[in-house]
Each structure stands twice: as C-alpha cells, then as structure tokens.
Amino acid sequence: MPFAENTYRDLNNSAVILDRLLNLYDADRLPNSLLFIAEDVQVTSKVAHALANKILNCTDCTQHMDFFQISSDIVGSAQITADAVRDLIAKIQVSPKISRFKVAYIEHAERMNKYAANSFLKTLEEPPADTVIVLSSPSPYAMLPTIVSRCVIFRFSDHQKIVSPVLDHIINSYESWLELLFNRSKKNLAVIEMYKLLSYIDQHLGELLDEEDADKMDSELILLKALEISTEKTFRAHSEEVLNLHKIISFFEDLHYFLAINCNLISCLERCFLLIIQWFSRD
C-alpha cells in the first residue's frame, strides 16, 4: 500500500515542515543529510518516519528492507556506540533492495559517543548514493560540530498554530498586493507596497505567537505556509492564471529551503516578491 499523505495531519504545525520536505523530495531536491531539532523527539520521529514512508512508497517504513534506524532504545544503551554506527554504515553502503532509495534514521544523535560520531562523520563527508540520512536531536550543541555543519537543519517547535491580528493583517496586505499585480494598470505601485509589507513583517513577526519563548523559526514557518495558501487562493480566483500557479509556488519552496539553512527571512521574502513581480512583468 503506497504512502498516504493524510497520515501525518496530527503533527500540527510540524506538518508545515513535513510539507516542505515532501515537496523537496517530489522536486528531486531533498538534501542527502538532514538534522531535525526539537525538544520532543517523538515529533521528529513522526516526521522522519512519514518522510521515509514517502521516499520508500510504503505506510510503515520500520518494516521496510531499505529503512535503517538507530536509537538508544533500540541499542539498549544510553549511548549509541561505534559498533551500532558501523553496522548502520555497512547496511547503507549497499544498493537498495526494493526501492530507489535507502533511508537511515538516527534518533537522539547527540548520544553517539566520540568513536561513533567520528565514524559517522566520514559517511556524511561522502554519503552513499541513493541514500537519505536523517538525524534527530533535542540537543544539537552536544553533537560533533562537523556533523551538524554537514546537515541541512530543520527546527521544530511544540507550539500550536495561532490565528492572530498580525497574521491576518499580513495576509490581507499580501493578497491586496497580489491583486495589484493582476491589475495591470496598478502594477507600478507593486514595488512600493511590497516594501511596506516587508517593513510591517519585519516589525511584527515576533507577535505571531503569544508565548514569550516562541521559536522564531516556528513563526517564520507559520507565516510562509499562510502566504503560500493565500497565493494559491488568489491565483485560483483568477482562473486564467491557474496553469502558472506552480511557477509561483516554486518561489516559496525555494524560500523554505533557504530558511532551513538559516538565511534571513526578510531578505528571502524580498527576493521571492521581486521574482513574483518579475514573473508578472514577463509579457
């Protein structure tokens, strides 16, 4: 039975990150080495398994012949040993048995001891072909820095999505900005209104979540998902443009990738919005 996308909808706003990962995979742009960071390892485990289900085209990757997992629970120790890591490396060095890819998942990667981490680093430096490696940890600073630096990082949060006046204002302003672009007689105002919108986002992004300890990355992901949904809604209201919707959505997919490697949100949005203006000026 193939992967069913509704199997991960209980993940709350972590589904936003999973959506990005699935889209990167569909576009053949998924990085070979990923690091998931979250306080609750169960969250990252669910996402890692859902991503593996997609890659391996199955509904339970833990039973798949091309899925390999290490966790402190599985090895029966508080540490992940060099022997456990070498065993995993040996398994992913061979060709996939029944799928196009292999997936290796190390849960609580910070528990790799010094010898295990050094062994695994060599694999990250030259990852095996057709292999996606996923690490998860609540404590990335306890990991070997060279391992962290070789992974594309995705930060998760336990916060729930919150509907806020700030988010409503941003989305309404964004949709009004898109309408300017559809109205050819007003496209000359688009750049001015774009920078007004960016300025508002820059000043009020932190208010998207009420908690004092809200994760900045969480706010950014909620905003990007809302912008993407609004883009699709606005384009579908202009039915003659629907065929080109995927071109605009691809700009947002690029945005998620750059945020994952810690690029500045406002700079990323500016580039994305300018690309949208350029796309509307293609004629």
C-alpha atoms as a PDB file:
ATOM      1  CA  MET A   1       0.000   0.000   0.000  1.00  0.00           C
ATOM      2  CA  PRO A   2       1.607   3.320  -1.033  1.00  0.00           C
ATOM      3  CA  PHE A   3       2.249   6.348   1.147  1.00  0.00           C
ATOM      4  CA  ALA A   4      -0.920   8.204   2.178  1.00  0.00           C
ATOM      5  CA  GLU A   5      -0.378  11.922   2.770  1.00  0.00           C
ATOM      6  CA  ASN A   6      -3.138  12.242   5.376  1.00  0.00           C
ATOM      7  CA  THR A   7      -1.215  10.020   7.782  1.00  0.00           C
ATOM      8  CA  TYR A   8       0.743  12.933   9.238  1.00  0.00           C
ATOM      9  CA  ARG A   9      -2.006  15.527   9.757  1.00  0.00           C
ATOM     10  CA  ASP A  10      -1.899  15.040  13.541  1.00  0.00           C
ATOM     11  CA  LEU A  11       1.514  16.681  13.655  1.00  0.00           C
ATOM     12  CA  ASN A  12       0.095  20.231  13.996  1.00  0.00           C
ATOM     13  CA  ASN A  13       2.485  22.903  12.760  1.00  0.00           C
ATOM     14  CA  SER A  14       5.238  20.324  12.334  1.00  0.00           C
ATOM     15  CA  ALA A  15       3.261  19.308   9.255  1.00  0.00           C
ATOM     16  CA  VAL A  16       4.411  22.609   7.717  1.00  0.00           C
ATOM     17  CA  ILE A  17       7.998  21.363   7.783  1.00  0.00           C
ATOM     18  CA  LEU A  18       6.962  17.934   6.544  1.00  0.00           C
ATOM     19  CA  ASP A  19       5.097  19.552   3.643  1.00  0.00           C
ATOM     20  CA  ARG A  20       8.335  21.284   2.642  1.00  0.00           C
ATOM     21  CA  LEU A  21      10.313  18.077   2.881  1.00  0.00           C
ATOM     22  CA  LEU A  22       7.800  16.174   0.770  1.00  0.00           C
ATOM     23  CA  ASN A  23       7.800  18.935  -1.839  1.00  0.00           C
ATOM     24  CA  LEU A  24      11.591  18.960  -1.932  1.00  0.00           C
ATOM     25  CA  TYR A  25      11.527  15.199  -2.477  1.00  0.00           C
ATOM     26  CA  ASP A  26       8.939  15.477  -5.259  1.00  0.00           C
ATOM     27  CA  ALA A  27      11.102  18.135  -6.932  1.00  0.00           C
ATOM     28  CA  ASP A  28      14.173  15.878  -6.608  1.00  0.00           C
ATOM     29  CA  ARG A  29      15.815  18.475  -4.360  1.00  0.00           C
ATOM     30  CA  LEU A  30      15.780  16.750  -0.982  1.00  0.00           C
ATOM     31  CA  PRO A  31      19.227  17.053   0.676  1.00  0.00           C
ATOM     32  CA  ASN A  32      21.079  13.829   1.428  1.00  0.00           C
ATOM     33  CA  SER A  33      21.699  14.705   5.082  1.00  0.00           C
ATOM     34  CA  LEU A  34      19.056  16.235   7.365  1.00  0.00           C
ATOM     35  CA  LEU A  35      19.100  17.222  11.023  1.00  0.00           C
ATOM     36  CA  PHE A  36      15.755  17.596  12.825  1.00  0.00           C
ATOM     37  CA  ILE A  37      15.902  19.609  16.053  1.00  0.00           C
ATOM     38  CA  ALA A  38      13.060  19.541  18.593  1.00  0.00           C
ATOM     39  CA  GLU A  39      12.599  19.241  22.337  1.00  0.00           C
ATOM     40  CA  ASP A  40      10.129  16.402  21.805  1.00  0.00           C
ATOM     41  CA  VAL A  41      11.913  13.619  19.931  1.00  0.00           C
ATOM     42  CA  GLN A  42       8.559  11.949  19.271  1.00  0.00           C
ATOM     43  CA  VAL A  43       7.717  14.870  16.979  1.00  0.00           C
ATOM     44  CA  THR A  44      10.860  14.460  14.901  1.00  0.00           C
ATOM     45  CA  SER A  45      10.448  10.695  14.911  1.00  0.00           C
ATOM     46  CA  LYS A  46       6.953  11.005  13.422  1.00  0.00           C
ATOM     47  CA  VAL A  47       8.210  13.374  10.745  1.00  0.00           C
ATOM     48  CA  ALA A  48      11.233  11.195   9.962  1.00  0.00           C
ATOM     49  CA  HIS A  49       9.022   8.124   9.594  1.00  0.00           C
ATOM     50  CA  ALA A  50       6.456   9.991   7.476  1.00  0.00           C
ATOM     51  CA  LEU A  51       9.230  11.250   5.179  1.00  0.00           C
ATOM     52  CA  ALA A  52      10.687   7.741   4.943  1.00  0.00           C
ATOM     53  CA  ASN A  53       7.234   6.364   4.087  1.00  0.00           C
ATOM     54  CA  LYS A  54       7.080   8.805   1.190  1.00  0.00           C
ATOM     55  CA  ILE A  55      10.599   8.077  -0.051  1.00  0.00           C
ATOM     56  CA  LEU A  56      10.125   4.312   0.200  1.00  0.00           C
ATOM     57  CA  ASN A  57       6.495   4.404  -1.008  1.00  0.00           C
ATOM     58  CA  CYS A  58       5.170   2.492   1.994  1.00  0.00           C
ATOM     59  CA  THR A  59       2.964   3.017   5.028  1.00  0.00           C
ATOM     60  CA  ASP A  60       5.294   1.603   7.701  1.00  0.00           C
ATOM     61  CA  CYS A  61       8.936   2.288   6.986  1.00  0.00           C
ATOM     62  CA  THR A  62      10.020   0.426  10.128  1.00  0.00           C
ATOM     63  CA  GLN A  63       9.118  -2.815   8.337  1.00  0.00           C
ATOM     64  CA  HIS A  64      10.812  -1.831   5.052  1.00  0.00           C
ATOM     65  CA  MET A  65      14.011  -3.546   3.904  1.00  0.00           C
ATOM     66  CA  ASP A  66      15.599  -0.242   2.865  1.00  0.00           C
ATOM     67  CA  PHE A  67      14.977   1.596   6.139  1.00  0.00           C
ATOM     68  CA  PHE A  68      17.576   1.510   8.885  1.00  0.00           C
ATOM     69  CA  GLN A  69      17.213   3.107  12.309  1.00  0.00           C
ATOM     70  CA  ILE A  70      19.377   3.602  15.371  1.00  0.00           C
ATOM     71  CA  SER A  71      18.116   4.913  18.690  1.00  0.00           C
ATOM     72  CA  SER A  72      19.312   4.483  22.244  1.00  0.00           C
ATOM     73  CA  ASP A  73      16.188   2.382  22.890  1.00  0.00           C
ATOM     74  CA  ILE A  74      16.996   0.028  20.023  1.00  0.00           C
ATOM     75  CA  VAL A  75      20.645  -0.463  21.008  1.00  0.00           C
ATOM     76  CA  GLY A  76      19.652  -0.862  24.661  1.00  0.00           C
ATOM     77  CA  SER A  77      22.051   1.756  25.974  1.00  0.00           C
ATOM     78  CA  ALA A  78      22.132   5.429  26.920  1.00  0.00           C
ATOM     79  CA  GLN A  79      24.906   5.799  24.343  1.00  0.00           C
ATOM     80  CA  ILE A  80      24.948   4.993  20.665  1.00  0.00           C
ATOM     81  CA  THR A  81      28.113   3.000  20.187  1.00  0.00           C
ATOM     82  CA  ALA A  82      30.622   2.858  17.359  1.00  0.00           C
ATOM     83  CA  ASP A  83      29.595  -0.747  16.652  1.00  0.00           C
ATOM     84  CA  ALA A  84      25.964   0.278  16.135  1.00  0.00           C
ATOM     85  CA  VAL A  85      27.020   3.071  13.784  1.00  0.00           C
ATOM     86  CA  ARG A  86      29.401   0.830  11.813  1.00  0.00           C
ATOM     87  CA  ASP A  87      26.602  -1.699  11.397  1.00  0.00           C
ATOM     88  CA  LEU A  88      24.337   1.049  10.007  1.00  0.00           C
ATOM     89  CA  ILE A  89      27.069   2.314   7.669  1.00  0.00           C
ATOM     90  CA  ALA A  90      27.619  -1.193   6.301  1.00  0.00           C
ATOM     91  CA  LYS A  91      23.901  -1.515   5.531  1.00  0.00           C
ATOM     92  CA  ILE A  92      23.621   1.781   3.628  1.00  0.00           C
ATOM     93  CA  GLN A  93      26.766   1.173   1.579  1.00  0.00           C
ATOM     94  CA  VAL A  94      24.974  -1.496  -0.471  1.00  0.00           C
ATOM     95  CA  SER A  95      22.356  -0.872  -3.164  1.00  0.00           C
ATOM     96  CA  PRO A  96      18.669  -0.571  -2.202  1.00  0.00           C
ATOM     97  CA  LYS A  97      16.925  -3.913  -2.059  1.00  0.00           C
ATOM     98  CA  ILE A  98      13.438  -2.992  -3.344  1.00  0.00           C
ATOM     99  CA  SER A  99      13.227   0.817  -3.573  1.00  0.00           C
ATOM    100  CA  ARG A 100      15.031   3.568  -5.436  1.00  0.00           C
ATOM    101  CA  PHE A 101      16.460   4.895  -2.172  1.00  0.00           C
ATOM    102  CA  LYS A 102      17.582   3.876   1.283  1.00  0.00           C
ATOM    103  CA  VAL A 103      16.742   5.876   4.402  1.00  0.00           C
ATOM    104  CA  ALA A 104      18.880   5.897   7.542  1.00  0.00           C
ATOM    105  CA  TYR A 105      17.490   7.470  10.706  1.00  0.00           C
ATOM    106  CA  ILE A 106      19.472   8.105  13.899  1.00  0.00           C
ATOM    107  CA  GLU A 107      17.303   9.227  16.790  1.00  0.00           C
ATOM    108  CA  HIS A 108      18.946  11.112  19.667  1.00  0.00           C
ATOM    109  CA  ALA A 109      22.040  11.644  17.530  1.00  0.00           C
ATOM    110  CA  GLU A 110      23.660  13.561  20.399  1.00  0.00           C
ATOM    111  CA  ARG A 111      24.009  10.195  22.167  1.00  0.00           C
ATOM    112  CA  MET A 112      26.599   8.943  19.694  1.00  0.00           C
ATOM    113  CA  ASN A 113      29.809   8.509  21.649  1.00  0.00           C
ATOM    114  CA  LYS A 114      33.062  10.012  20.390  1.00  0.00           C
ATOM    115  CA  TYR A 115      34.059   6.965  18.361  1.00  0.00           C
ATOM    116  CA  ALA A 116      30.583   6.554  16.843  1.00  0.00           C
ATOM    117  CA  ALA A 117      30.431  10.232  15.870  1.00  0.00           C
ATOM    118  CA  ASN A 118      33.855  10.139  14.214  1.00  0.00           C
ATOM    119  CA  SER A 119      32.895   7.011  12.262  1.00  0.00           C
ATOM    120  CA  PHE A 120      29.648   8.571  11.107  1.00  0.00           C
ATOM    121  CA  LEU A 121      31.328  11.834  10.092  1.00  0.00           C
ATOM    122  CA  LYS A 122      33.227  10.035   7.340  1.00  0.00           C
ATOM    123  CA  THR A 123      29.909   8.785   5.927  1.00  0.00           C
ATOM    124  CA  LEU A 124      28.441  12.311   5.916  1.00  0.00           C
ATOM    125  CA  GLU A 125      31.504  13.624   4.101  1.00  0.00           C
ATOM    126  CA  GLU A 126      30.924  11.093   1.307  1.00  0.00           C
ATOM    127  CA  PRO A 127      27.293   9.924   1.620  1.00  0.00           C
ATOM    128  CA  PRO A 128      26.364   6.724  -0.200  1.00  0.00           C
ATOM    129  CA  ALA A 129      24.422   7.079  -3.442  1.00  0.00           C
ATOM    130  CA  ASP A 130      20.618   6.862  -3.293  1.00  0.00           C
ATOM    131  CA  THR A 131      20.588   7.367   0.471  1.00  0.00           C
ATOM    132  CA  VAL A 132      18.810   9.928   2.659  1.00  0.00           C
ATOM    133  CA  ILE A 133      20.263  10.286   6.146  1.00  0.00           C
ATOM    134  CA  VAL A 134      18.094  11.802   8.895  1.00  0.00           C
ATOM    135  CA  LEU A 135      19.396  12.710  12.336  1.00  0.00           C
ATOM    136  CA  SER A 136      17.233  13.998  15.176  1.00  0.00           C
ATOM    137  CA  SER A 137      18.227  15.601  18.444  1.00  0.00           C
ATOM    138  CA  PRO A 138      16.898  17.917  21.147  1.00  0.00           C
ATOM    139  CA  SER A 139      20.488  18.984  21.879  1.00  0.00           C
ATOM    140  CA  PRO A 140      22.431  19.711  18.687  1.00  0.00           C
ATOM    141  CA  TYR A 141      25.125  21.529  20.670  1.00  0.00           C
ATOM    142  CA  ALA A 142      26.009  18.182  22.265  1.00  0.00           C
ATOM    143  CA  MET A 143      26.775  16.786  18.819  1.00  0.00           C
ATOM    144  CA  LEU A 144      30.066  16.907  16.946  1.00  0.00           C
ATOM    145  CA  PRO A 145      30.003  20.360  15.264  1.00  0.00           C
ATOM    146  CA  THR A 146      31.331  18.956  11.997  1.00  0.00           C
ATOM    147  CA  ILE A 147      28.353  16.575  11.832  1.00  0.00           C
ATOM    148  CA  VAL A 148      25.900  19.423  12.382  1.00  0.00           C
ATOM    149  CA  SER A 149      27.607  21.561   9.724  1.00  0.00           C
ATOM    150  CA  ARG A 150      27.190  18.858   7.092  1.00  0.00           C
ATOM    151  CA  CYS A 151      23.410  18.612   7.556  1.00  0.00           C
ATOM    152  CA  VAL A 152      20.553  20.811   6.417  1.00  0.00           C
ATOM    153  CA  ILE A 153      18.837  21.791   9.663  1.00  0.00           C
ATOM    154  CA  PHE A 154      15.083  21.842  10.291  1.00  0.00           C
ATOM    155  CA  ARG A 155      13.993  23.254  13.655  1.00  0.00           C
ATOM    156  CA  PHE A 156      10.688  22.082  15.083  1.00  0.00           C
ATOM    157  CA  SER A 157       8.543  23.627  17.775  1.00  0.00           C
ATOM    158  CA  ASP A 158       5.794  22.280  20.018  1.00  0.00           C
ATOM    159  CA  HIS A 159       3.732  25.477  19.636  1.00  0.00           C
ATOM    160  CA  GLN A 160       0.275  25.295  18.133  1.00  0.00           C
ATOM    161  CA  LYS A 161      -0.667  27.489  15.221  1.00  0.00           C
ATOM    162  CA  ILE A 162      -2.301  30.686  16.436  1.00  0.00           C
ATOM    163  CA  VAL A 163      -4.633  32.927  14.455  1.00  0.00           C
ATOM    164  CA  SER A 164      -3.560  36.477  15.277  1.00  0.00           C
ATOM    165  CA  PRO A 165      -4.463  40.002  14.149  1.00  0.00           C
ATOM    166  CA  VAL A 166      -0.866  40.438  12.973  1.00  0.00           C
ATOM    167  CA  LEU A 167      -1.066  37.377  10.740  1.00  0.00           C
ATOM    168  CA  ASP A 168      -4.462  38.488   9.423  1.00  0.00           C
ATOM    169  CA  HIS A 169      -3.049  41.921   8.567  1.00  0.00           C
ATOM    170  CA  ILE A 170      -0.023  40.429   6.783  1.00  0.00           C
ATOM    171  CA  ILE A 171      -2.150  38.028   4.734  1.00  0.00           C
ATOM    172  CA  ASN A 172      -4.727  40.676   3.823  1.00  0.00           C
ATOM    173  CA  SER A 173      -1.959  43.057   2.772  1.00  0.00           C
ATOM    174  CA  TYR A 174      -0.258  40.310   0.769  1.00  0.00           C
ATOM    175  CA  GLU A 175      -3.459  39.392  -1.060  1.00  0.00           C
ATOM    176  CA  SER A 176      -4.076  43.086  -1.829  1.00  0.00           C
ATOM    177  CA  TRP A 177      -0.537  43.278  -3.179  1.00  0.00           C
ATOM    178  CA  LEU A 178      -1.149  40.298  -5.461  1.00  0.00           C
ATOM    179  CA  GLU A 179      -4.321  41.965  -6.739  1.00  0.00           C
ATOM    180  CA  LEU A 180      -2.202  44.988  -7.709  1.00  0.00           C
ATOM    181  CA  LEU A 181      -0.108  42.697  -9.872  1.00  0.00           C
ATOM    182  CA  PHE A 182      -3.147  41.162 -11.524  1.00  0.00           C
ATOM    183  CA  ASN A 183      -4.420  44.695 -12.243  1.00  0.00           C
ATOM    184  CA  ARG A 184      -2.008  45.747 -14.972  1.00  0.00           C
ATOM    185  CA  SER A 185      -2.910  49.420 -14.600  1.00  0.00           C
ATOM    186  CA  LYS A 186      -1.640  49.425 -10.984  1.00  0.00           C
ATOM    187  CA  LYS A 187       1.460  47.276 -11.277  1.00  0.00           C
ATOM    188  CA  ASN A 188       3.652  50.361 -10.946  1.00  0.00           C
ATOM    189  CA  LEU A 189       2.614  50.524  -7.257  1.00  0.00           C
ATOM    190  CA  ALA A 190       3.716  46.966  -6.573  1.00  0.00           C
ATOM    191  CA  VAL A 191       7.301  47.686  -5.520  1.00  0.00           C
ATOM    192  CA  ILE A 192       6.290  50.469  -3.100  1.00  0.00           C
ATOM    193  CA  GLU A 193       3.581  48.320  -1.488  1.00  0.00           C
ATOM    194  CA  MET A 194       5.958  45.357  -1.359  1.00  0.00           C
ATOM    195  CA  TYR A 195       8.432  47.245   0.812  1.00  0.00           C
ATOM    196  CA  LYS A 196       5.637  48.500   3.069  1.00  0.00           C
ATOM    197  CA  LEU A 197       4.575  44.887   3.589  1.00  0.00           C
ATOM    198  CA  LEU A 198       8.140  43.724   4.264  1.00  0.00           C
ATOM    199  CA  SER A 199       8.625  46.519   6.787  1.00  0.00           C
ATOM    200  CA  TYR A 200       5.462  45.501   8.660  1.00  0.00           C
ATOM    201  CA  ILE A 201       6.522  41.836   8.704  1.00  0.00           C
ATOM    202  CA  ASP A 202       9.972  42.766   9.981  1.00  0.00           C
ATOM    203  CA  GLN A 203       8.494  44.796  12.849  1.00  0.00           C
ATOM    204  CA  HIS A 204       5.714  42.407  13.915  1.00  0.00           C
ATOM    205  CA  LEU A 205       6.864  38.860  13.108  1.00  0.00           C
ATOM    206  CA  GLY A 206       7.502  38.088  16.782  1.00  0.00           C
ATOM    207  CA  GLU A 207       3.844  38.767  17.594  1.00  0.00           C
ATOM    208  CA  LEU A 208       2.603  35.829  15.512  1.00  0.00           C
ATOM    209  CA  LEU A 209       2.937  33.621  18.573  1.00  0.00           C
ATOM    210  CA  ASP A 210       1.790  34.681  22.032  1.00  0.00           C
ATOM    211  CA  GLU A 211       4.250  32.663  24.138  1.00  0.00           C
ATOM    212  CA  GLU A 212       7.262  34.560  25.415  1.00  0.00           C
ATOM    213  CA  ASP A 213       9.547  31.671  24.484  1.00  0.00           C
ATOM    214  CA  ALA A 214       8.090  31.239  20.978  1.00  0.00           C
ATOM    215  CA  ASP A 215      10.554  29.846  18.477  1.00  0.00           C
ATOM    216  CA  LYS A 216      11.457  32.337  15.737  1.00  0.00           C
ATOM    217  CA  MET A 217      11.653  29.559  13.159  1.00  0.00           C
ATOM    218  CA  ASP A 218       8.138  28.442  14.112  1.00  0.00           C
ATOM    219  CA  SER A 219       6.758  31.938  13.436  1.00  0.00           C
ATOM    220  CA  GLU A 220       8.502  32.054  10.083  1.00  0.00           C
ATOM    221  CA  LEU A 221       7.148  28.666   9.011  1.00  0.00           C
ATOM    222  CA  ILE A 222       3.595  29.576  10.019  1.00  0.00           C
ATOM    223  CA  LEU A 223       3.871  32.804   8.028  1.00  0.00           C
ATOM    224  CA  LEU A 224       5.269  31.101   4.927  1.00  0.00           C
ATOM    225  CA  LYS A 225       2.575  28.433   4.943  1.00  0.00           C
ATOM    226  CA  ALA A 226      -0.101  31.138   5.261  1.00  0.00           C
ATOM    227  CA  LEU A 227       1.446  33.120   2.376  1.00  0.00           C
ATOM    228  CA  GLU A 228       1.555  30.023   0.197  1.00  0.00           C
ATOM    229  CA  ILE A 229      -2.105  29.201   0.911  1.00  0.00           C
ATOM    230  CA  SER A 230      -3.084  32.809   0.137  1.00  0.00           C
ATOM    231  CA  THR A 231      -1.115  32.685  -3.108  1.00  0.00           C
ATOM    232  CA  GLU A 232      -2.992  29.593  -4.257  1.00  0.00           C
ATOM    233  CA  LYS A 233      -6.351  31.089  -3.236  1.00  0.00           C
ATOM    234  CA  THR A 234      -5.706  34.358  -5.077  1.00  0.00           C
ATOM    235  CA  PHE A 235      -4.426  32.672  -8.223  1.00  0.00           C
ATOM    236  CA  ARG A 236      -7.396  30.326  -8.346  1.00  0.00           C
ATOM    237  CA  ALA A 237      -9.688  33.347  -8.131  1.00  0.00           C
ATOM    238  CA  HIS A 238      -8.067  34.428 -11.412  1.00  0.00           C
ATOM    239  CA  SER A 239      -8.822  31.215 -13.247  1.00  0.00           C
ATOM    240  CA  GLU A 240      -6.898  32.183 -16.360  1.00  0.00           C
ATOM    241  CA  GLU A 241      -3.685  32.114 -14.313  1.00  0.00           C
ATOM    242  CA  VAL A 242      -4.120  28.744 -12.594  1.00  0.00           C
ATOM    243  CA  LEU A 243      -1.862  26.914 -15.052  1.00  0.00           C
ATOM    244  CA  ASN A 244       1.025  29.098 -13.914  1.00  0.00           C
ATOM    245  CA  LEU A 245       0.383  28.678 -10.186  1.00  0.00           C
ATOM    246  CA  HIS A 246       3.097  26.053  -9.768  1.00  0.00           C
ATOM    247  CA  LYS A 247       5.721  28.519 -11.010  1.00  0.00           C
ATOM    248  CA  ILE A 248       4.881  30.955  -8.215  1.00  0.00           C
ATOM    249  CA  ILE A 249       4.614  28.238  -5.558  1.00  0.00           C
ATOM    250  CA  SER A 250       8.131  27.121  -6.510  1.00  0.00           C
ATOM    251  CA  PHE A 251       9.407  30.507  -5.300  1.00  0.00           C
ATOM    252  CA  PHE A 252       8.045  29.719  -1.837  1.00  0.00           C
ATOM    253  CA  GLU A 253       9.591  26.252  -1.898  1.00  0.00           C
ATOM    254  CA  ASP A 254      12.963  27.874  -2.537  1.00  0.00           C
ATOM    255  CA  LEU A 255      12.232  30.193   0.379  1.00  0.00           C
ATOM    256  CA  HIS A 256      11.684  27.304   2.781  1.00  0.00           C
ATOM    257  CA  TYR A 257      14.967  25.746   1.722  1.00  0.00           C
ATOM    258  CA  PHE A 258      16.944  28.948   2.358  1.00  0.00           C
ATOM    259  CA  LEU A 259      15.290  29.418   5.752  1.00  0.00           C
ATOM    260  CA  ALA A 260      16.247  25.856   6.656  1.00  0.00           C
ATOM    261  CA  ILE A 261      19.897  26.842   6.246  1.00  0.00           C
ATOM    262  CA  ASN A 262      19.339  29.927   8.435  1.00  0.00           C
ATOM    263  CA  CYS A 263      19.030  32.682   5.821  1.00  0.00           C
ATOM    264  CA  ASN A 264      17.302  35.924   6.868  1.00  0.00           C
ATOM    265  CA  LEU A 265      13.514  35.821   6.437  1.00  0.00           C
ATOM    266  CA  ILE A 266      13.065  39.398   5.197  1.00  0.00           C
ATOM    267  CA  SER A 267      15.859  39.054   2.631  1.00  0.00           C
ATOM    268  CA  CYS A 268      14.318  35.786   1.430  1.00  0.00           C
ATOM    269  CA  LEU A 269      10.837  37.314   1.176  1.00  0.00           C
ATOM    270  CA  GLU A 270      12.202  40.324  -0.690  1.00  0.00           C
ATOM    271  CA  ARG A 271      13.810  38.054  -3.273  1.00  0.00           C
ATOM    272  CA  CYS A 272      10.643  35.959  -3.552  1.00  0.00           C
ATOM    273  CA  PHE A 273       8.381  39.007  -4.006  1.00  0.00           C
ATOM    274  CA  LEU A 274      10.715  40.530  -6.605  1.00  0.00           C
ATOM    275  CA  LEU A 275      10.643  37.251  -8.528  1.00  0.00           C
ATOM    276  CA  ILE A 276       6.843  37.368  -8.451  1.00  0.00           C
ATOM    277  CA  ILE A 277       6.900  40.950  -9.787  1.00  0.00           C
ATOM    278  CA  GLN A 278       9.324  39.870 -12.499  1.00  0.00           C
ATOM    279  CA  TRP A 279       7.086  36.955 -13.398  1.00  0.00           C
ATOM    280  CA  PHE A 280       4.086  39.259 -13.778  1.00  0.00           C
ATOM    281  CA  SER A 281       6.183  41.562 -15.995  1.00  0.00           C
ATOM    282  CA  ARG A 282       7.196  38.765 -18.347  1.00  0.00           C
ATOM    283  CA  ASP A 283       4.980  39.994 -21.210  1.00  0.00           C
END
